[in-house]
Amino acid sequence: MSTTEHRLRSPDGFAAAYRAHARSILVFLTRRTYDPETALDLTAETFAKAYEARRRFRGATEEDEAAWLFGIARHVLARYLRRGKAERRALTRLGVEVPSIEPDDVLRVVALAGLEELRGTVAGELRALPAAHREAVRLRVVEELSYDEVARRLAISETAARARVSRGLRTMARAIDPPATLHERLA
Protein backbone atom coordinates (compact mmCIF):
# COMPACT_ATOMS: atom_id res chain seq x y z
CA MET A 1 0.00 0.00 0.00
CA SER A 2 1.42 3.38 -1.00
CA THR A 3 1.65 6.36 1.33
CA THR A 4 -0.94 8.28 -0.66
CA GLU A 5 -3.29 5.30 -0.82
CA HIS A 6 -2.94 4.89 2.92
CA ARG A 7 -3.44 8.63 3.44
CA LEU A 8 -6.83 8.55 1.73
CA ARG A 9 -8.03 5.63 3.84
CA SER A 10 -7.62 7.23 7.25
CA PRO A 11 -9.80 10.19 8.34
CA ASP A 12 -6.76 12.31 9.26
CA GLY A 13 -5.06 11.40 6.00
CA PHE A 14 -8.15 12.22 4.00
CA ALA A 15 -8.30 15.59 5.77
CA ALA A 16 -4.68 16.18 4.69
CA ALA A 17 -5.61 15.31 1.09
CA TYR A 18 -8.52 17.75 1.35
CA ARG A 19 -6.19 20.51 2.54
CA ALA A 20 -3.76 19.71 -0.28
CA HIS A 21 -6.31 19.74 -3.11
CA ALA A 22 -9.50 21.57 -2.10
CA ARG A 23 -8.28 24.96 -3.28
CA SER A 24 -7.31 23.76 -6.77
CA ILE A 25 -10.59 21.81 -7.10
CA LEU A 26 -12.54 24.91 -6.01
CA VAL A 27 -10.75 27.07 -8.58
CA PHE A 28 -11.30 24.44 -11.28
CA LEU A 29 -15.04 24.29 -10.56
CA THR A 30 -15.45 28.05 -10.12
CA ARG A 31 -13.84 28.72 -13.49
CA ARG A 32 -16.30 26.33 -15.10
CA THR A 33 -19.51 27.36 -13.34
CA TYR A 34 -18.71 31.09 -12.92
CA ASP A 35 -20.60 30.80 -9.66
CA PRO A 36 -18.69 30.67 -6.35
CA GLU A 37 -21.63 29.24 -4.39
CA THR A 38 -22.20 26.46 -6.88
CA ALA A 39 -18.47 25.77 -7.02
CA LEU A 40 -18.31 25.48 -3.23
CA ASP A 41 -21.21 23.02 -3.28
CA LEU A 42 -19.62 21.00 -6.07
CA THR A 43 -16.27 20.98 -4.25
CA ALA A 44 -17.97 19.62 -1.15
CA GLU A 45 -19.75 16.99 -3.23
CA THR A 46 -16.47 16.06 -4.93
CA PHE A 47 -14.81 15.36 -1.61
CA ALA A 48 -17.87 13.56 -0.25
CA LYS A 49 -17.83 11.24 -3.27
CA ALA A 50 -14.06 10.81 -2.94
CA TYR A 51 -14.46 9.88 0.71
CA GLU A 52 -17.13 7.32 -0.15
CA ALA A 53 -14.90 5.84 -2.89
CA ARG A 54 -11.55 6.19 -1.09
CA ARG A 55 -11.00 2.42 -0.85
CA ARG A 56 -11.08 2.18 -4.64
CA PHE A 57 -8.19 4.63 -5.07
CA ARG A 58 -5.16 2.75 -6.41
CA GLY A 59 -2.69 5.55 -7.00
CA ALA A 60 0.79 5.73 -5.58
CA THR A 61 1.67 9.42 -5.68
CA GLU A 62 0.22 12.81 -4.85
CA GLU A 63 -0.10 13.38 -8.62
CA ASP A 64 -2.24 10.23 -8.86
CA GLU A 65 -4.32 11.52 -5.97
CA ALA A 66 -4.83 14.88 -7.69
CA ALA A 67 -5.75 13.24 -11.00
CA TRP A 68 -8.25 10.98 -9.22
CA LEU A 69 -9.85 13.93 -7.40
CA PHE A 70 -10.02 16.05 -10.57
CA GLY A 71 -11.68 13.11 -12.33
CA ILE A 72 -14.32 12.99 -9.61
CA ALA A 73 -14.74 16.78 -9.86
CA ARG A 74 -15.26 16.52 -13.63
CA HIS A 75 -17.96 13.87 -13.12
CA VAL A 76 -19.66 15.93 -10.40
CA LEU A 77 -19.59 18.99 -12.69
CA ALA A 78 -20.97 17.05 -15.66
CA ARG A 79 -23.82 15.69 -13.53
CA TYR A 80 -24.57 19.20 -12.24
CA LEU A 81 -24.61 20.62 -15.76
CA ARG A 82 -26.97 17.88 -16.96
CA ARG A 83 -29.36 18.17 -14.03
CA GLY A 84 -28.72 21.64 -12.65
CA LYS A 85 -31.05 23.58 -14.90
CA ALA A 86 -34.04 21.39 -14.05
CA GLU A 87 -33.18 21.46 -10.34
CA ARG A 88 -32.89 25.26 -10.33
CA ARG A 89 -36.29 25.58 -12.06
CA ALA A 90 -37.85 23.19 -9.53
CA LEU A 91 -36.42 25.13 -6.59
CA THR A 92 -37.75 28.39 -8.03
CA ARG A 93 -41.16 26.87 -8.74
CA LEU A 94 -41.37 25.51 -5.18
CA GLY A 95 -40.18 28.78 -3.68
CA VAL A 96 -37.23 27.09 -1.98
CA GLU A 97 -34.52 29.51 -0.97
CA VAL A 98 -31.10 27.90 -1.03
CA PRO A 99 -28.82 29.14 1.76
CA SER A 100 -26.07 31.33 0.41
CA ILE A 101 -22.53 31.95 1.51
CA GLU A 102 -21.39 35.20 3.03
CA PRO A 103 -20.57 38.03 0.58
CA ASP A 104 -16.95 38.18 1.80
CA ASP A 105 -16.55 34.47 1.07
CA VAL A 106 -17.97 34.96 -2.42
CA LEU A 107 -15.46 37.75 -3.05
CA ARG A 108 -12.59 35.53 -1.87
CA VAL A 109 -13.61 32.72 -4.21
CA VAL A 110 -14.07 35.16 -7.12
CA ALA A 111 -10.58 36.52 -6.52
CA LEU A 112 -9.05 33.06 -6.03
CA ALA A 113 -10.50 31.83 -9.32
CA GLY A 114 -9.79 35.09 -11.19
CA LEU A 115 -13.41 35.34 -12.34
CA GLU A 116 -13.37 39.05 -13.17
CA GLU A 117 -10.43 38.58 -15.51
CA LEU A 118 -12.01 35.40 -16.90
CA ARG A 119 -15.29 37.17 -17.67
CA GLY A 120 -13.39 39.75 -19.70
CA THR A 121 -11.50 37.02 -21.51
CA VAL A 122 -14.72 35.13 -22.28
CA ALA A 123 -16.34 38.27 -23.69
CA GLY A 124 -13.27 38.97 -25.82
CA GLU A 125 -13.11 35.41 -27.13
CA LEU A 126 -16.82 35.47 -27.93
CA ARG A 127 -16.32 38.68 -29.92
CA ALA A 128 -13.38 37.09 -31.77
CA LEU A 129 -15.44 34.13 -33.03
CA PRO A 130 -16.66 34.17 -36.63
CA ALA A 131 -20.11 35.76 -36.73
CA ALA A 132 -21.94 32.49 -37.51
CA HIS A 133 -20.35 30.69 -34.54
CA ARG A 134 -20.76 33.69 -32.25
CA GLU A 135 -24.49 33.95 -32.92
CA ALA A 136 -25.00 30.18 -32.51
CA VAL A 137 -23.16 30.24 -29.16
CA ARG A 138 -25.07 33.32 -28.02
CA LEU A 139 -28.43 31.75 -28.81
CA ARG A 140 -27.58 28.40 -27.23
CA VAL A 141 -25.66 29.55 -24.14
CA VAL A 142 -26.84 33.06 -23.34
CA GLU A 143 -30.46 32.73 -24.43
CA GLU A 144 -30.54 29.01 -23.46
CA LEU A 145 -32.42 28.00 -26.60
CA SER A 146 -32.69 24.39 -27.74
CA TYR A 147 -30.61 23.35 -30.74
CA ASP A 148 -33.84 23.05 -32.71
CA GLU A 149 -34.71 26.69 -31.92
CA VAL A 150 -31.13 27.85 -32.68
CA ALA A 151 -31.41 26.13 -36.05
CA ARG A 152 -34.77 27.80 -36.78
CA ARG A 153 -33.49 31.25 -35.85
CA LEU A 154 -30.38 30.84 -38.00
CA ALA A 155 -32.24 29.11 -40.86
CA ILE A 156 -29.88 26.13 -40.78
CA SER A 157 -30.23 22.45 -39.91
CA GLU A 158 -30.08 21.29 -36.31
CA THR A 159 -26.87 19.39 -37.13
CA ALA A 160 -25.29 22.59 -38.44
CA ALA A 161 -26.44 24.47 -35.32
CA ARG A 162 -24.85 21.83 -33.09
CA ALA A 163 -21.64 22.00 -35.10
CA ARG A 164 -21.44 25.80 -34.93
CA VAL A 165 -22.05 25.84 -31.18
CA SER A 166 -19.56 23.04 -30.62
CA ARG A 167 -16.84 24.66 -32.73
CA GLY A 168 -17.41 28.04 -31.11
CA LEU A 169 -17.28 26.68 -27.57
CA ARG A 170 -14.26 24.52 -28.34
CA THR A 171 -12.40 27.51 -29.80
CA MET A 172 -13.28 29.63 -26.77
CA ALA A 173 -12.33 26.88 -24.32
CA ARG A 174 -8.88 26.44 -25.86
CA ALA A 175 -8.22 30.17 -25.71
CA ILE A 176 -9.65 30.70 -22.24
CA ASP A 177 -8.37 27.67 -20.41
CA PRO A 178 -5.47 26.02 -22.19
CA PRO A 179 -4.65 22.57 -20.80
CA ALA A 180 -2.67 22.99 -17.60
CA THR A 181 0.28 20.85 -16.75
CA LEU A 182 -0.12 18.58 -13.76
CA HIS A 183 2.32 20.79 -11.86
CA GLU A 184 0.14 23.86 -12.53
CA ARG A 185 -2.97 22.04 -11.32
CA LEU A 186 -1.22 21.03 -8.12
CA ALA A 187 0.11 24.53 -7.41
C-alpha atoms as a PDB file:
ATOM      1  CA  MET A   1       0.000   0.000   0.000  1.00  0.00           C
ATOM      2  CA  SER A   2       1.425   3.378  -1.004  1.00  0.00           C
ATOM      3  CA  THR A   3       1.649   6.358   1.331  1.00  0.00           C
ATOM      4  CA  THR A   4      -0.937   8.283  -0.661  1.00  0.00           C
ATOM      5  CA  GLU A   5      -3.290   5.304  -0.822  1.00  0.00           C
ATOM      6  CA  HIS A   6      -2.945   4.894   2.915  1.00  0.00           C
ATOM      7  CA  ARG A   7      -3.440   8.630   3.436  1.00  0.00           C
ATOM      8  CA  LEU A   8      -6.832   8.551   1.735  1.00  0.00           C
ATOM      9  CA  ARG A   9      -8.034   5.631   3.839  1.00  0.00           C
ATOM     10  CA  SER A  10      -7.622   7.234   7.252  1.00  0.00           C
ATOM     11  CA  PRO A  11      -9.803  10.187   8.338  1.00  0.00           C
ATOM     12  CA  ASP A  12      -6.764  12.309   9.256  1.00  0.00           C
ATOM     13  CA  GLY A  13      -5.059  11.396   5.996  1.00  0.00           C
ATOM     14  CA  PHE A  14      -8.155  12.220   3.997  1.00  0.00           C
ATOM     15  CA  ALA A  15      -8.305  15.586   5.766  1.00  0.00           C
ATOM     16  CA  ALA A  16      -4.681  16.182   4.690  1.00  0.00           C
ATOM     17  CA  ALA A  17      -5.608  15.315   1.089  1.00  0.00           C
ATOM     18  CA  TYR A  18      -8.518  17.748   1.346  1.00  0.00           C
ATOM     19  CA  ARG A  19      -6.193  20.511   2.541  1.00  0.00           C
ATOM     20  CA  ALA A  20      -3.758  19.710  -0.277  1.00  0.00           C
ATOM     21  CA  HIS A  21      -6.315  19.736  -3.108  1.00  0.00           C
ATOM     22  CA  ALA A  22      -9.505  21.574  -2.101  1.00  0.00           C
ATOM     23  CA  ARG A  23      -8.280  24.957  -3.277  1.00  0.00           C
ATOM     24  CA  SER A  24      -7.315  23.755  -6.765  1.00  0.00           C
ATOM     25  CA  ILE A  25     -10.585  21.809  -7.100  1.00  0.00           C
ATOM     26  CA  LEU A  26     -12.544  24.913  -6.014  1.00  0.00           C
ATOM     27  CA  VAL A  27     -10.747  27.074  -8.583  1.00  0.00           C
ATOM     28  CA  PHE A  28     -11.296  24.440 -11.280  1.00  0.00           C
ATOM     29  CA  LEU A  29     -15.042  24.290 -10.558  1.00  0.00           C
ATOM     30  CA  THR A  30     -15.455  28.054 -10.118  1.00  0.00           C
ATOM     31  CA  ARG A  31     -13.840  28.723 -13.494  1.00  0.00           C
ATOM     32  CA  ARG A  32     -16.297  26.330 -15.105  1.00  0.00           C
ATOM     33  CA  THR A  33     -19.512  27.362 -13.344  1.00  0.00           C
ATOM     34  CA  TYR A  34     -18.711  31.087 -12.921  1.00  0.00           C
ATOM     35  CA  ASP A  35     -20.604  30.805  -9.656  1.00  0.00           C
ATOM     36  CA  PRO A  36     -18.693  30.668  -6.351  1.00  0.00           C
ATOM     37  CA  GLU A  37     -21.627  29.237  -4.385  1.00  0.00           C
ATOM     38  CA  THR A  38     -22.201  26.456  -6.879  1.00  0.00           C
ATOM     39  CA  ALA A  39     -18.473  25.773  -7.020  1.00  0.00           C
ATOM     40  CA  LEU A  40     -18.311  25.476  -3.232  1.00  0.00           C
ATOM     41  CA  ASP A  41     -21.214  23.019  -3.280  1.00  0.00           C
ATOM     42  CA  LEU A  42     -19.620  20.999  -6.074  1.00  0.00           C
ATOM     43  CA  THR A  43     -16.272  20.978  -4.251  1.00  0.00           C
ATOM     44  CA  ALA A  44     -17.966  19.616  -1.148  1.00  0.00           C
ATOM     45  CA  GLU A  45     -19.751  16.993  -3.235  1.00  0.00           C
ATOM     46  CA  THR A  46     -16.469  16.059  -4.932  1.00  0.00           C
ATOM     47  CA  PHE A  47     -14.806  15.356  -1.607  1.00  0.00           C
ATOM     48  CA  ALA A  48     -17.871  13.561  -0.252  1.00  0.00           C
ATOM     49  CA  LYS A  49     -17.830  11.240  -3.273  1.00  0.00           C
ATOM     50  CA  ALA A  50     -14.058  10.808  -2.940  1.00  0.00           C
ATOM     51  CA  TYR A  51     -14.455   9.885   0.713  1.00  0.00           C
ATOM     52  CA  GLU A  52     -17.125   7.323  -0.149  1.00  0.00           C
ATOM     53  CA  ALA A  53     -14.900   5.838  -2.890  1.00  0.00           C
ATOM     54  CA  ARG A  54     -11.553   6.190  -1.087  1.00  0.00           C
ATOM     55  CA  ARG A  55     -11.001   2.424  -0.848  1.00  0.00           C
ATOM     56  CA  ARG A  56     -11.078   2.179  -4.645  1.00  0.00           C
ATOM     57  CA  PHE A  57      -8.191   4.633  -5.073  1.00  0.00           C
ATOM     58  CA  ARG A  58      -5.159   2.751  -6.413  1.00  0.00           C
ATOM     59  CA  GLY A  59      -2.687   5.546  -6.997  1.00  0.00           C
ATOM     60  CA  ALA A  60       0.795   5.726  -5.578  1.00  0.00           C
ATOM     61  CA  THR A  61       1.667   9.423  -5.676  1.00  0.00           C
ATOM     62  CA  GLU A  62       0.218  12.813  -4.847  1.00  0.00           C
ATOM     63  CA  GLU A  63      -0.100  13.384  -8.617  1.00  0.00           C
ATOM     64  CA  ASP A  64      -2.239  10.225  -8.861  1.00  0.00           C
ATOM     65  CA  GLU A  65      -4.325  11.521  -5.968  1.00  0.00           C
ATOM     66  CA  ALA A  66      -4.831  14.885  -7.691  1.00  0.00           C
ATOM     67  CA  ALA A  67      -5.747  13.243 -10.995  1.00  0.00           C
ATOM     68  CA  TRP A  68      -8.253  10.985  -9.215  1.00  0.00           C
ATOM     69  CA  LEU A  69      -9.848  13.931  -7.397  1.00  0.00           C
ATOM     70  CA  PHE A  70     -10.016  16.047 -10.570  1.00  0.00           C
ATOM     71  CA  GLY A  71     -11.681  13.110 -12.331  1.00  0.00           C
ATOM     72  CA  ILE A  72     -14.323  12.986  -9.613  1.00  0.00           C
ATOM     73  CA  ALA A  73     -14.743  16.776  -9.855  1.00  0.00           C
ATOM     74  CA  ARG A  74     -15.262  16.516 -13.634  1.00  0.00           C
ATOM     75  CA  HIS A  75     -17.964  13.866 -13.124  1.00  0.00           C
ATOM     76  CA  VAL A  76     -19.662  15.930 -10.401  1.00  0.00           C
ATOM     77  CA  LEU A  77     -19.588  18.988 -12.686  1.00  0.00           C
ATOM     78  CA  ALA A  78     -20.971  17.051 -15.660  1.00  0.00           C
ATOM     79  CA  ARG A  79     -23.817  15.692 -13.527  1.00  0.00           C
ATOM     80  CA  TYR A  80     -24.570  19.201 -12.240  1.00  0.00           C
ATOM     81  CA  LEU A  81     -24.605  20.623 -15.760  1.00  0.00           C
ATOM     82  CA  ARG A  82     -26.973  17.879 -16.963  1.00  0.00           C
ATOM     83  CA  ARG A  83     -29.360  18.167 -14.027  1.00  0.00           C
ATOM     84  CA  GLY A  84     -28.719  21.636 -12.651  1.00  0.00           C
ATOM     85  CA  LYS A  85     -31.046  23.576 -14.901  1.00  0.00           C
ATOM     86  CA  ALA A  86     -34.042  21.388 -14.053  1.00  0.00           C
ATOM     87  CA  GLU A  87     -33.183  21.458 -10.339  1.00  0.00           C
ATOM     88  CA  ARG A  88     -32.890  25.256 -10.332  1.00  0.00           C
ATOM     89  CA  ARG A  89     -36.285  25.580 -12.060  1.00  0.00           C
ATOM     90  CA  ALA A  90     -37.855  23.189  -9.531  1.00  0.00           C
ATOM     91  CA  LEU A  91     -36.415  25.131  -6.591  1.00  0.00           C
ATOM     92  CA  THR A  92     -37.746  28.385  -8.034  1.00  0.00           C
ATOM     93  CA  ARG A  93     -41.157  26.873  -8.735  1.00  0.00           C
ATOM     94  CA  LEU A  94     -41.366  25.510  -5.183  1.00  0.00           C
ATOM     95  CA  GLY A  95     -40.182  28.780  -3.681  1.00  0.00           C
ATOM     96  CA  VAL A  96     -37.228  27.090  -1.979  1.00  0.00           C
ATOM     97  CA  GLU A  97     -34.520  29.506  -0.970  1.00  0.00           C
ATOM     98  CA  VAL A  98     -31.100  27.896  -1.034  1.00  0.00           C
ATOM     99  CA  PRO A  99     -28.823  29.144   1.756  1.00  0.00           C
ATOM    100  CA  SER A 100     -26.075  31.333   0.415  1.00  0.00           C
ATOM    101  CA  ILE A 101     -22.530  31.948   1.508  1.00  0.00           C
ATOM    102  CA  GLU A 102     -21.390  35.204   3.034  1.00  0.00           C
ATOM    103  CA  PRO A 103     -20.567  38.030   0.584  1.00  0.00           C
ATOM    104  CA  ASP A 104     -16.951  38.181   1.801  1.00  0.00           C
ATOM    105  CA  ASP A 105     -16.555  34.467   1.071  1.00  0.00           C
ATOM    106  CA  VAL A 106     -17.973  34.962  -2.423  1.00  0.00           C
ATOM    107  CA  LEU A 107     -15.460  37.754  -3.048  1.00  0.00           C
ATOM    108  CA  ARG A 108     -12.586  35.529  -1.868  1.00  0.00           C
ATOM    109  CA  VAL A 109     -13.613  32.717  -4.209  1.00  0.00           C
ATOM    110  CA  VAL A 110     -14.072  35.159  -7.118  1.00  0.00           C
ATOM    111  CA  ALA A 111     -10.576  36.522  -6.517  1.00  0.00           C
ATOM    112  CA  LEU A 112      -9.054  33.063  -6.034  1.00  0.00           C
ATOM    113  CA  ALA A 113     -10.501  31.834  -9.321  1.00  0.00           C
ATOM    114  CA  GLY A 114      -9.790  35.094 -11.193  1.00  0.00           C
ATOM    115  CA  LEU A 115     -13.407  35.342 -12.337  1.00  0.00           C
ATOM    116  CA  GLU A 116     -13.368  39.053 -13.166  1.00  0.00           C
ATOM    117  CA  GLU A 117     -10.430  38.576 -15.512  1.00  0.00           C
ATOM    118  CA  LEU A 118     -12.009  35.400 -16.898  1.00  0.00           C
ATOM    119  CA  ARG A 119     -15.295  37.166 -17.667  1.00  0.00           C
ATOM    120  CA  GLY A 120     -13.393  39.754 -19.697  1.00  0.00           C
ATOM    121  CA  THR A 121     -11.504  37.022 -21.509  1.00  0.00           C
ATOM    122  CA  VAL A 122     -14.719  35.127 -22.278  1.00  0.00           C
ATOM    123  CA  ALA A 123     -16.343  38.269 -23.689  1.00  0.00           C
ATOM    124  CA  GLY A 124     -13.267  38.970 -25.819  1.00  0.00           C
ATOM    125  CA  GLU A 125     -13.114  35.414 -27.128  1.00  0.00           C
ATOM    126  CA  LEU A 126     -16.817  35.465 -27.932  1.00  0.00           C
ATOM    127  CA  ARG A 127     -16.323  38.682 -29.923  1.00  0.00           C
ATOM    128  CA  ALA A 128     -13.381  37.085 -31.767  1.00  0.00           C
ATOM    129  CA  LEU A 129     -15.441  34.127 -33.033  1.00  0.00           C
ATOM    130  CA  PRO A 130     -16.664  34.167 -36.626  1.00  0.00           C
ATOM    131  CA  ALA A 131     -20.113  35.761 -36.729  1.00  0.00           C
ATOM    132  CA  ALA A 132     -21.937  32.494 -37.511  1.00  0.00           C
ATOM    133  CA  HIS A 133     -20.348  30.686 -34.540  1.00  0.00           C
ATOM    134  CA  ARG A 134     -20.758  33.694 -32.246  1.00  0.00           C
ATOM    135  CA  GLU A 135     -24.487  33.947 -32.925  1.00  0.00           C
ATOM    136  CA  ALA A 136     -25.005  30.182 -32.506  1.00  0.00           C
ATOM    137  CA  VAL A 137     -23.162  30.236 -29.164  1.00  0.00           C
ATOM    138  CA  ARG A 138     -25.069  33.316 -28.016  1.00  0.00           C
ATOM    139  CA  LEU A 139     -28.431  31.750 -28.814  1.00  0.00           C
ATOM    140  CA  ARG A 140     -27.585  28.398 -27.225  1.00  0.00           C
ATOM    141  CA  VAL A 141     -25.656  29.552 -24.135  1.00  0.00           C
ATOM    142  CA  VAL A 142     -26.843  33.062 -23.342  1.00  0.00           C
ATOM    143  CA  GLU A 143     -30.460  32.725 -24.428  1.00  0.00           C
ATOM    144  CA  GLU A 144     -30.542  29.008 -23.459  1.00  0.00           C
ATOM    145  CA  LEU A 145     -32.420  27.997 -26.597  1.00  0.00           C
ATOM    146  CA  SER A 146     -32.688  24.393 -27.741  1.00  0.00           C
ATOM    147  CA  TYR A 147     -30.613  23.352 -30.742  1.00  0.00           C
ATOM    148  CA  ASP A 148     -33.843  23.051 -32.712  1.00  0.00           C
ATOM    149  CA  GLU A 149     -34.707  26.689 -31.921  1.00  0.00           C
ATOM    150  CA  VAL A 150     -31.134  27.854 -32.676  1.00  0.00           C
ATOM    151  CA  ALA A 151     -31.410  26.128 -36.050  1.00  0.00           C
ATOM    152  CA  ARG A 152     -34.771  27.798 -36.781  1.00  0.00           C
ATOM    153  CA  ARG A 153     -33.490  31.252 -35.848  1.00  0.00           C
ATOM    154  CA  LEU A 154     -30.377  30.844 -37.997  1.00  0.00           C
ATOM    155  CA  ALA A 155     -32.239  29.115 -40.860  1.00  0.00           C
ATOM    156  CA  ILE A 156     -29.878  26.126 -40.780  1.00  0.00           C
ATOM    157  CA  SER A 157     -30.226  22.449 -39.914  1.00  0.00           C
ATOM    158  CA  GLU A 158     -30.078  21.288 -36.309  1.00  0.00           C
ATOM    159  CA  THR A 159     -26.873  19.391 -37.132  1.00  0.00           C
ATOM    160  CA  ALA A 160     -25.295  22.591 -38.444  1.00  0.00           C
ATOM    161  CA  ALA A 161     -26.442  24.468 -35.316  1.00  0.00           C
ATOM    162  CA  ARG A 162     -24.853  21.829 -33.090  1.00  0.00           C
ATOM    163  CA  ALA A 163     -21.643  21.997 -35.104  1.00  0.00           C
ATOM    164  CA  ARG A 164     -21.438  25.796 -34.926  1.00  0.00           C
ATOM    165  CA  VAL A 165     -22.047  25.842 -31.177  1.00  0.00           C
ATOM    166  CA  SER A 166     -19.561  23.038 -30.616  1.00  0.00           C
ATOM    167  CA  ARG A 167     -16.844  24.659 -32.728  1.00  0.00           C
ATOM    168  CA  GLY A 168     -17.411  28.037 -31.109  1.00  0.00           C
ATOM    169  CA  LEU A 169     -17.283  26.678 -27.575  1.00  0.00           C
ATOM    170  CA  ARG A 170     -14.255  24.521 -28.339  1.00  0.00           C
ATOM    171  CA  THR A 171     -12.402  27.513 -29.801  1.00  0.00           C
ATOM    172  CA  MET A 172     -13.280  29.629 -26.774  1.00  0.00           C
ATOM    173  CA  ALA A 173     -12.334  26.883 -24.318  1.00  0.00           C
ATOM    174  CA  ARG A 174      -8.877  26.443 -25.863  1.00  0.00           C
ATOM    175  CA  ALA A 175      -8.221  30.171 -25.712  1.00  0.00           C
ATOM    176  CA  ILE A 176      -9.654  30.703 -22.243  1.00  0.00           C
ATOM    177  CA  ASP A 177      -8.371  27.669 -20.405  1.00  0.00           C
ATOM    178  CA  PRO A 178      -5.469  26.019 -22.187  1.00  0.00           C
ATOM    179  CA  PRO A 179      -4.650  22.574 -20.805  1.00  0.00           C
ATOM    180  CA  ALA A 180      -2.668  22.992 -17.604  1.00  0.00           C
ATOM    181  CA  THR A 181       0.277  20.849 -16.750  1.00  0.00           C
ATOM    182  CA  LEU A 182      -0.116  18.584 -13.761  1.00  0.00           C
ATOM    183  CA  HIS A 183       2.322  20.789 -11.857  1.00  0.00           C
ATOM    184  CA  GLU A 184       0.144  23.858 -12.530  1.00  0.00           C
ATOM    185  CA  ARG A 185      -2.966  22.035 -11.315  1.00  0.00           C
ATOM    186  CA  LEU A 186      -1.215  21.028  -8.118  1.00  0.00           C
ATOM    187  CA  ALA A 187       0.106  24.528  -7.411  1.00  0.00           C
END
